[in-house]
Amino acid sequence: MMNKPYLIVLITVVVIALLIVAGILIPNFGKDEESKDELYTFPLLVEEHIYPVSVRSNYSSPPEVSYSGLFKMVSVDFRGDPENAFCNVTIPTSLIWGEISVFSRGYKMSETNYVITSNSTHNSVYFTFDHIALVKTFDVKGTEGIVTVP
C-alpha cells in the first residue's frame, strides 16, 4: 500500500499531465483548417508616431492596411479569390476617434452590418463579408483623427 504523501504526489502529477494534454488538444478541438483566424499587426507611421493597428481575420491571405489622414480613416484591403470571411480591426483612439463608421467600396455600410466596441485606448470594428472581387477594401472612418496632408 502506498503512503499518503506519495499518493498525493502521484495524483497531482496525473492531474497536471491531464491539464497539459487538455490545453494542447482542446483549443484545436472542432476546428478545421478553414476556420482558423490570424492576427496581423501593422505599425502605421503617422506624423512621426507609430500607431499599431491590428486585424484579426479568417481570410486566406493577409490584408494590407493603410492610413489616410486627409479622410481620417484606416483602410483594410483583402486580395484574392472569393470567399466568406470575418474581420476585426482594432485602431488606437489616438489615431481616429469620434463617431466611427465602416465603408465598403466607398459606400457606408449599414450600422446593423458591423459591431463597434470602444474603450479609452482603442476602437474595434467587427464585420463579416463575402469577398466577391479580386480586391475588397474596407475603410474605418472617424469623425475625428490625425490630419495629414499628402
N, C-alpha and C. Protein backbone atom coordinates (compact mmCIF):
# COMPACT_ATOMS: atom_id res chain seq x y z
N MET A 1 0.85 -1.18 0.00
CA MET A 1 0.00 0.00 0.00
C MET A 1 0.89 1.24 0.00
N MET A 2 0.51 2.26 -0.79
CA MET A 2 1.29 3.50 -0.90
C MET A 2 1.07 4.39 0.30
N ASN A 3 2.12 5.15 0.60
CA ASN A 3 1.97 6.17 1.64
C ASN A 3 1.09 7.28 1.12
N LYS A 4 0.45 7.94 2.02
CA LYS A 4 -0.44 9.04 1.65
C LYS A 4 0.30 10.16 0.91
N PRO A 5 1.51 10.59 1.35
CA PRO A 5 2.21 11.65 0.61
C PRO A 5 2.54 11.24 -0.84
N TYR A 6 2.93 9.98 -1.05
CA TYR A 6 3.24 9.52 -2.40
C TYR A 6 1.98 9.50 -3.27
N LEU A 7 0.87 9.11 -2.70
CA LEU A 7 -0.39 9.08 -3.41
C LEU A 7 -0.81 10.50 -3.82
N ILE A 8 -0.64 11.46 -2.95
CA ILE A 8 -0.98 12.85 -3.25
C ILE A 8 -0.09 13.37 -4.37
N VAL A 9 1.21 13.06 -4.30
CA VAL A 9 2.13 13.49 -5.35
C VAL A 9 1.75 12.84 -6.68
N LEU A 10 1.45 11.56 -6.69
CA LEU A 10 1.07 10.85 -7.90
C LEU A 10 -0.20 11.44 -8.50
N ILE A 11 -1.20 11.69 -7.68
CA ILE A 11 -2.45 12.28 -8.18
C ILE A 11 -2.19 13.67 -8.74
N THR A 12 -1.36 14.44 -8.07
CA THR A 12 -1.03 15.79 -8.54
C THR A 12 -0.34 15.74 -9.90
N VAL A 13 0.61 14.84 -10.07
CA VAL A 13 1.32 14.70 -11.34
C VAL A 13 0.35 14.28 -12.44
N VAL A 14 -0.53 13.36 -12.15
CA VAL A 14 -1.51 12.90 -13.15
C VAL A 14 -2.45 14.05 -13.54
N VAL A 15 -2.92 14.82 -12.57
CA VAL A 15 -3.81 15.95 -12.86
C VAL A 15 -3.09 17.00 -13.71
N ILE A 16 -1.86 17.31 -13.38
CA ILE A 16 -1.08 18.29 -14.15
C ILE A 16 -0.88 17.78 -15.58
N ALA A 17 -0.55 16.51 -15.73
CA ALA A 17 -0.37 15.94 -17.07
C ALA A 17 -1.66 16.01 -17.87
N LEU A 18 -2.79 15.72 -17.24
CA LEU A 18 -4.07 15.80 -17.93
C LEU A 18 -4.39 17.24 -18.34
N LEU A 19 -4.09 18.19 -17.49
CA LEU A 19 -4.33 19.60 -17.82
C LEU A 19 -3.46 20.05 -18.99
N ILE A 20 -2.22 19.60 -19.01
CA ILE A 20 -1.33 19.95 -20.12
C ILE A 20 -1.85 19.36 -21.42
N VAL A 21 -2.24 18.10 -21.42
CA VAL A 21 -2.78 17.46 -22.61
C VAL A 21 -4.06 18.15 -23.04
N ALA A 22 -4.94 18.45 -22.10
CA ALA A 22 -6.20 19.14 -22.43
C ALA A 22 -5.91 20.53 -23.01
N GLY A 23 -4.93 21.21 -22.50
CA GLY A 23 -4.57 22.53 -23.01
C GLY A 23 -4.03 22.48 -24.42
N ILE A 24 -3.41 21.38 -24.78
CA ILE A 24 -2.87 21.23 -26.12
C ILE A 24 -3.97 20.78 -27.09
N LEU A 25 -4.82 19.87 -26.68
CA LEU A 25 -5.80 19.30 -27.59
C LEU A 25 -7.11 20.09 -27.68
N ILE A 26 -7.61 20.56 -26.57
CA ILE A 26 -8.93 21.18 -26.55
C ILE A 26 -8.99 22.47 -27.36
N PRO A 27 -8.01 23.39 -27.33
CA PRO A 27 -8.15 24.60 -28.13
C PRO A 27 -8.33 24.33 -29.62
N ASN A 28 -7.81 23.23 -30.13
CA ASN A 28 -7.93 22.92 -31.55
C ASN A 28 -9.08 21.96 -31.84
N PHE A 29 -9.78 21.49 -30.81
CA PHE A 29 -10.86 20.54 -30.99
C PHE A 29 -11.99 21.17 -31.79
N GLY A 30 -12.42 20.53 -32.84
CA GLY A 30 -13.53 21.01 -33.65
C GLY A 30 -13.16 22.06 -34.67
N LYS A 31 -11.91 22.47 -34.72
CA LYS A 31 -11.51 23.47 -35.71
C LYS A 31 -10.93 22.76 -36.92
N ASP A 32 -11.32 23.23 -38.08
CA ASP A 32 -10.67 22.73 -39.28
C ASP A 32 -9.79 23.84 -39.84
N GLU A 33 -9.06 23.53 -40.86
CA GLU A 33 -8.12 24.49 -41.41
C GLU A 33 -8.80 25.76 -41.91
N GLU A 34 -10.04 25.64 -42.43
CA GLU A 34 -10.71 26.79 -43.00
C GLU A 34 -11.19 27.78 -41.95
N SER A 35 -11.39 27.33 -40.71
CA SER A 35 -11.95 28.21 -39.70
C SER A 35 -10.88 28.92 -38.88
N LYS A 36 -9.62 28.68 -39.15
CA LYS A 36 -8.56 29.32 -38.38
C LYS A 36 -8.47 30.79 -38.73
N ASP A 37 -8.26 31.59 -37.71
CA ASP A 37 -8.10 33.01 -37.95
C ASP A 37 -6.69 33.42 -37.57
N GLU A 38 -6.26 34.53 -38.12
CA GLU A 38 -4.92 35.05 -37.89
C GLU A 38 -5.02 36.46 -37.35
N LEU A 39 -4.04 36.84 -36.56
CA LEU A 39 -3.93 38.20 -36.05
C LEU A 39 -2.71 38.85 -36.70
N TYR A 40 -2.95 39.99 -37.35
CA TYR A 40 -1.88 40.74 -38.01
C TYR A 40 -1.79 42.11 -37.34
N THR A 41 -0.57 42.59 -37.15
CA THR A 41 -0.37 43.91 -36.57
C THR A 41 0.41 44.76 -37.56
N PHE A 42 -0.08 45.97 -37.77
CA PHE A 42 0.52 46.89 -38.72
C PHE A 42 0.95 48.16 -37.99
N PRO A 43 2.24 48.42 -37.90
CA PRO A 43 2.71 49.66 -37.25
C PRO A 43 2.63 50.83 -38.25
N LEU A 44 1.58 51.62 -38.17
CA LEU A 44 1.40 52.73 -39.10
C LEU A 44 2.13 53.96 -38.59
N LEU A 45 3.02 54.51 -39.43
CA LEU A 45 3.77 55.71 -39.08
C LEU A 45 2.98 56.92 -39.56
N VAL A 46 2.51 57.73 -38.60
CA VAL A 46 1.73 58.92 -38.91
C VAL A 46 2.29 60.07 -38.08
N GLU A 47 2.73 61.12 -38.77
CA GLU A 47 3.27 62.30 -38.08
C GLU A 47 4.36 61.92 -37.07
N GLU A 48 5.29 61.09 -37.50
CA GLU A 48 6.45 60.67 -36.70
C GLU A 48 6.09 59.88 -35.43
N HIS A 49 4.91 59.29 -35.43
CA HIS A 49 4.49 58.44 -34.31
C HIS A 49 3.96 57.13 -34.90
N ILE A 50 4.24 56.02 -34.22
CA ILE A 50 3.78 54.72 -34.69
C ILE A 50 2.49 54.34 -33.96
N TYR A 51 1.46 53.99 -34.75
CA TYR A 51 0.17 53.56 -34.23
C TYR A 51 -0.04 52.10 -34.65
N PRO A 52 -0.05 51.18 -33.69
CA PRO A 52 -0.25 49.77 -34.05
C PRO A 52 -1.74 49.48 -34.32
N VAL A 53 -2.04 49.09 -35.54
CA VAL A 53 -3.39 48.70 -35.92
C VAL A 53 -3.38 47.19 -36.11
N SER A 54 -4.32 46.50 -35.49
CA SER A 54 -4.36 45.05 -35.64
C SER A 54 -5.61 44.62 -36.39
N VAL A 55 -5.45 43.54 -37.14
CA VAL A 55 -6.54 42.97 -37.91
C VAL A 55 -6.56 41.47 -37.62
N ARG A 56 -7.71 40.98 -37.17
CA ARG A 56 -7.91 39.55 -36.99
C ARG A 56 -8.91 39.12 -38.06
N SER A 57 -8.54 38.09 -38.83
CA SER A 57 -9.42 37.63 -39.90
C SER A 57 -9.16 36.16 -40.20
N ASN A 58 -10.18 35.51 -40.74
CA ASN A 58 -10.01 34.14 -41.21
C ASN A 58 -9.89 34.08 -42.72
N TYR A 59 -9.68 35.24 -43.37
CA TYR A 59 -9.47 35.26 -44.81
C TYR A 59 -8.17 34.53 -45.13
N SER A 60 -8.08 33.92 -46.30
CA SER A 60 -6.96 33.04 -46.62
C SER A 60 -5.62 33.76 -46.82
N SER A 61 -5.63 35.06 -47.04
CA SER A 61 -4.35 35.77 -47.19
C SER A 61 -4.34 37.01 -46.30
N PRO A 62 -3.15 37.48 -45.95
CA PRO A 62 -3.05 38.66 -45.06
C PRO A 62 -3.60 39.91 -45.73
N PRO A 63 -4.20 40.79 -44.95
CA PRO A 63 -4.68 42.05 -45.52
C PRO A 63 -3.55 43.05 -45.65
N GLU A 64 -3.84 44.14 -46.34
CA GLU A 64 -2.94 45.29 -46.38
C GLU A 64 -3.66 46.42 -45.67
N VAL A 65 -2.93 47.21 -44.87
CA VAL A 65 -3.54 48.27 -44.08
C VAL A 65 -2.81 49.58 -44.34
N SER A 66 -3.58 50.65 -44.46
CA SER A 66 -3.00 51.98 -44.66
C SER A 66 -3.86 53.02 -43.94
N TYR A 67 -3.29 54.22 -43.81
CA TYR A 67 -4.00 55.33 -43.15
C TYR A 67 -4.06 56.53 -44.07
N SER A 68 -5.22 57.14 -44.12
CA SER A 68 -5.39 58.40 -44.86
C SER A 68 -5.75 59.48 -43.86
N GLY A 69 -4.81 60.39 -43.61
CA GLY A 69 -5.06 61.48 -42.69
C GLY A 69 -5.99 62.52 -43.27
N LEU A 70 -6.06 62.59 -44.59
CA LEU A 70 -6.97 63.52 -45.24
C LEU A 70 -8.42 63.16 -44.93
N PHE A 71 -8.71 61.85 -44.89
CA PHE A 71 -10.07 61.39 -44.63
C PHE A 71 -10.27 60.81 -43.24
N LYS A 72 -9.21 60.78 -42.42
CA LYS A 72 -9.25 60.24 -41.06
C LYS A 72 -9.79 58.81 -41.06
N MET A 73 -9.14 57.96 -41.86
CA MET A 73 -9.61 56.59 -41.97
C MET A 73 -8.47 55.60 -42.16
N VAL A 74 -8.72 54.40 -41.67
CA VAL A 74 -7.84 53.26 -41.85
C VAL A 74 -8.47 52.36 -42.90
N SER A 75 -7.71 52.02 -43.94
CA SER A 75 -8.20 51.14 -45.00
C SER A 75 -7.61 49.75 -44.83
N VAL A 76 -8.45 48.75 -45.02
CA VAL A 76 -8.04 47.35 -44.95
C VAL A 76 -8.41 46.71 -46.28
N ASP A 77 -7.39 46.23 -47.01
CA ASP A 77 -7.59 45.61 -48.32
C ASP A 77 -7.35 44.11 -48.22
N PHE A 78 -8.30 43.34 -48.75
CA PHE A 78 -8.14 41.89 -48.90
C PHE A 78 -8.03 41.61 -50.38
N ARG A 79 -7.05 40.79 -50.77
CA ARG A 79 -6.83 40.44 -52.17
C ARG A 79 -6.84 38.93 -52.32
N GLY A 80 -7.52 38.47 -53.36
CA GLY A 80 -7.52 37.04 -53.62
C GLY A 80 -8.84 36.53 -54.12
N ASP A 81 -9.02 35.24 -54.02
CA ASP A 81 -10.20 34.57 -54.53
C ASP A 81 -11.43 34.88 -53.68
N PRO A 82 -12.62 34.76 -54.26
CA PRO A 82 -13.85 34.98 -53.49
C PRO A 82 -13.98 33.99 -52.35
N GLU A 83 -14.42 34.48 -51.21
CA GLU A 83 -14.71 33.63 -50.06
C GLU A 83 -15.41 34.44 -48.98
N ASN A 84 -16.10 33.74 -48.10
CA ASN A 84 -16.75 34.38 -46.96
C ASN A 84 -15.75 34.46 -45.83
N ALA A 85 -15.74 35.58 -45.11
CA ALA A 85 -14.76 35.76 -44.04
C ALA A 85 -15.29 36.76 -43.02
N PHE A 86 -14.54 36.90 -41.94
CA PHE A 86 -14.82 37.94 -40.96
C PHE A 86 -13.58 38.79 -40.79
N CYS A 87 -13.76 39.97 -40.21
CA CYS A 87 -12.65 40.88 -39.98
C CYS A 87 -12.92 41.63 -38.68
N ASN A 88 -11.90 41.77 -37.86
CA ASN A 88 -11.97 42.59 -36.66
C ASN A 88 -10.76 43.53 -36.69
N VAL A 89 -11.01 44.82 -36.83
CA VAL A 89 -9.96 45.83 -36.92
C VAL A 89 -9.92 46.59 -35.60
N THR A 90 -8.73 46.69 -35.00
CA THR A 90 -8.57 47.43 -33.75
C THR A 90 -7.60 48.58 -34.00
N ILE A 91 -8.09 49.80 -33.71
CA ILE A 91 -7.37 51.03 -34.04
C ILE A 91 -7.22 51.88 -32.78
N PRO A 92 -6.03 52.39 -32.50
CA PRO A 92 -5.87 53.28 -31.34
C PRO A 92 -6.77 54.52 -31.46
N THR A 93 -7.39 54.89 -30.34
CA THR A 93 -8.23 56.10 -30.34
C THR A 93 -7.40 57.36 -30.50
N SER A 94 -6.10 57.25 -30.34
CA SER A 94 -5.25 58.41 -30.57
C SER A 94 -4.99 58.65 -32.07
N LEU A 95 -5.41 57.70 -32.92
CA LEU A 95 -5.28 57.85 -34.37
C LEU A 95 -6.58 58.36 -34.98
N ILE A 96 -7.68 57.63 -34.75
CA ILE A 96 -9.01 58.12 -35.14
C ILE A 96 -9.95 57.96 -33.96
N TRP A 97 -10.91 58.86 -33.86
CA TRP A 97 -11.85 58.84 -32.75
C TRP A 97 -13.13 59.54 -33.18
N GLY A 98 -14.02 59.75 -32.24
CA GLY A 98 -15.32 60.34 -32.56
C GLY A 98 -16.28 59.26 -33.00
N GLU A 99 -17.22 59.60 -33.87
CA GLU A 99 -18.16 58.62 -34.39
C GLU A 99 -17.45 57.79 -35.45
N ILE A 100 -17.47 56.49 -35.27
CA ILE A 100 -16.78 55.56 -36.17
C ILE A 100 -17.80 54.92 -37.12
N SER A 101 -17.46 54.82 -38.39
CA SER A 101 -18.31 54.13 -39.36
C SER A 101 -17.43 53.33 -40.32
N VAL A 102 -18.06 52.39 -41.01
CA VAL A 102 -17.34 51.50 -41.91
C VAL A 102 -17.89 51.68 -43.33
N PHE A 103 -16.98 51.72 -44.29
CA PHE A 103 -17.33 51.87 -45.70
C PHE A 103 -16.82 50.66 -46.47
N SER A 104 -17.60 50.22 -47.45
CA SER A 104 -17.19 49.15 -48.35
C SER A 104 -17.38 49.67 -49.77
N ARG A 105 -16.34 49.63 -50.58
CA ARG A 105 -16.36 50.15 -51.95
C ARG A 105 -16.86 51.59 -52.00
N GLY A 106 -16.52 52.37 -50.98
CA GLY A 106 -16.88 53.78 -50.96
C GLY A 106 -18.25 54.09 -50.40
N TYR A 107 -19.04 53.06 -50.12
CA TYR A 107 -20.39 53.26 -49.58
C TYR A 107 -20.43 52.91 -48.10
N LYS A 108 -21.11 53.74 -47.33
CA LYS A 108 -21.22 53.50 -45.90
C LYS A 108 -22.06 52.25 -45.66
N MET A 109 -21.51 51.34 -44.86
CA MET A 109 -22.23 50.12 -44.52
C MET A 109 -23.32 50.45 -43.50
N SER A 110 -24.38 49.69 -43.53
CA SER A 110 -25.44 49.84 -42.54
C SER A 110 -24.86 49.51 -41.16
N GLU A 111 -25.25 50.27 -40.17
CA GLU A 111 -24.74 50.03 -38.81
C GLU A 111 -25.14 48.67 -38.27
N THR A 112 -26.12 48.01 -38.90
CA THR A 112 -26.50 46.67 -38.48
C THR A 112 -25.54 45.61 -39.01
N ASN A 113 -24.63 46.01 -39.92
CA ASN A 113 -23.69 45.06 -40.52
C ASN A 113 -22.33 45.01 -39.84
N TYR A 114 -22.13 45.82 -38.80
CA TYR A 114 -20.87 45.78 -38.06
C TYR A 114 -21.12 46.12 -36.60
N VAL A 115 -20.16 45.72 -35.78
CA VAL A 115 -20.24 45.97 -34.34
C VAL A 115 -19.00 46.75 -33.94
N ILE A 116 -19.22 47.85 -33.22
CA ILE A 116 -18.11 48.66 -32.73
C ILE A 116 -18.03 48.52 -31.21
N THR A 117 -16.83 48.26 -30.73
CA THR A 117 -16.57 48.30 -29.30
C THR A 117 -15.43 49.30 -29.08
N SER A 118 -15.56 50.06 -28.01
CA SER A 118 -14.56 51.09 -27.73
C SER A 118 -14.22 51.10 -26.26
N ASN A 119 -13.00 51.48 -25.98
CA ASN A 119 -12.59 51.78 -24.61
C ASN A 119 -11.76 53.05 -24.67
N SER A 120 -11.06 53.36 -23.62
CA SER A 120 -10.32 54.63 -23.59
C SER A 120 -9.10 54.65 -24.51
N THR A 121 -8.66 53.48 -24.99
CA THR A 121 -7.45 53.45 -25.81
C THR A 121 -7.64 52.94 -27.23
N HIS A 122 -8.72 52.19 -27.49
CA HIS A 122 -8.88 51.58 -28.82
C HIS A 122 -10.36 51.53 -29.24
N ASN A 123 -10.56 51.56 -30.56
CA ASN A 123 -11.84 51.27 -31.19
C ASN A 123 -11.67 49.97 -31.96
N SER A 124 -12.61 49.05 -31.80
CA SER A 124 -12.59 47.81 -32.56
C SER A 124 -13.87 47.70 -33.37
N VAL A 125 -13.72 47.26 -34.61
CA VAL A 125 -14.85 47.09 -35.51
C VAL A 125 -14.84 45.65 -36.02
N TYR A 126 -15.98 44.96 -35.87
CA TYR A 126 -16.11 43.58 -36.33
C TYR A 126 -17.19 43.52 -37.40
N PHE A 127 -16.91 42.81 -38.50
CA PHE A 127 -17.91 42.60 -39.54
C PHE A 127 -17.57 41.34 -40.31
N THR A 128 -18.55 40.81 -41.00
CA THR A 128 -18.33 39.68 -41.89
C THR A 128 -18.48 40.19 -43.32
N PHE A 129 -17.90 39.45 -44.26
CA PHE A 129 -18.03 39.87 -45.65
C PHE A 129 -17.94 38.68 -46.58
N ASP A 130 -18.52 38.87 -47.75
CA ASP A 130 -18.43 37.91 -48.84
C ASP A 130 -17.53 38.54 -49.88
N HIS A 131 -16.33 38.02 -50.00
CA HIS A 131 -15.33 38.60 -50.89
C HIS A 131 -15.64 38.16 -52.31
N ILE A 132 -16.19 39.05 -53.13
CA ILE A 132 -16.57 38.67 -54.49
C ILE A 132 -15.68 39.31 -55.56
N ALA A 133 -14.80 40.22 -55.16
CA ALA A 133 -13.92 40.88 -56.12
C ALA A 133 -12.48 40.46 -55.86
N LEU A 134 -11.59 40.77 -56.80
CA LEU A 134 -10.18 40.45 -56.58
C LEU A 134 -9.59 41.26 -55.44
N VAL A 135 -10.08 42.51 -55.25
CA VAL A 135 -9.65 43.35 -54.14
C VAL A 135 -10.90 43.83 -53.41
N LYS A 136 -10.93 43.62 -52.13
CA LYS A 136 -12.04 44.06 -51.29
C LYS A 136 -11.48 45.04 -50.29
N THR A 137 -11.96 46.29 -50.32
CA THR A 137 -11.45 47.33 -49.44
C THR A 137 -12.53 47.77 -48.46
N PHE A 138 -12.13 47.86 -47.19
CA PHE A 138 -13.00 48.38 -46.14
C PHE A 138 -12.29 49.58 -45.52
N ASP A 139 -13.03 50.64 -45.30
CA ASP A 139 -12.49 51.83 -44.67
C ASP A 139 -13.18 52.05 -43.34
N VAL A 140 -12.39 52.18 -42.27
CA VAL A 140 -12.91 52.51 -40.94
C VAL A 140 -12.60 53.98 -40.74
N LYS A 141 -13.66 54.79 -40.67
CA LYS A 141 -13.50 56.24 -40.67
C LYS A 141 -14.02 56.82 -39.36
N GLY A 142 -13.25 57.78 -38.82
CA GLY A 142 -13.68 58.51 -37.64
C GLY A 142 -14.06 59.93 -38.00
N THR A 143 -14.94 60.51 -37.19
CA THR A 143 -15.27 61.92 -37.43
C THR A 143 -14.11 62.81 -37.01
N GLU A 144 -13.23 62.28 -36.18
CA GLU A 144 -12.02 63.00 -35.73
C GLU A 144 -10.83 62.09 -35.92
N GLY A 145 -9.66 62.69 -36.11
CA GLY A 145 -8.45 61.91 -36.27
C GLY A 145 -7.27 62.79 -36.58
N ILE A 146 -6.13 62.16 -36.69
CA ILE A 146 -4.91 62.90 -37.03
C ILE A 146 -4.98 63.27 -38.50
N VAL A 147 -4.89 64.55 -38.78
CA VAL A 147 -4.97 65.03 -40.15
C VAL A 147 -3.55 65.17 -40.70
N THR A 148 -3.34 64.57 -41.87
CA THR A 148 -2.06 64.69 -42.56
C THR A 148 -2.34 65.21 -43.95
N VAL A 149 -1.41 65.96 -44.46
CA VAL A 149 -1.54 66.50 -45.82
C VAL A 149 -0.60 65.72 -46.71
N PRO A 150 -1.13 65.20 -47.83
CA PRO A 150 -0.28 64.39 -48.72
C PRO A 150 0.84 65.19 -49.34
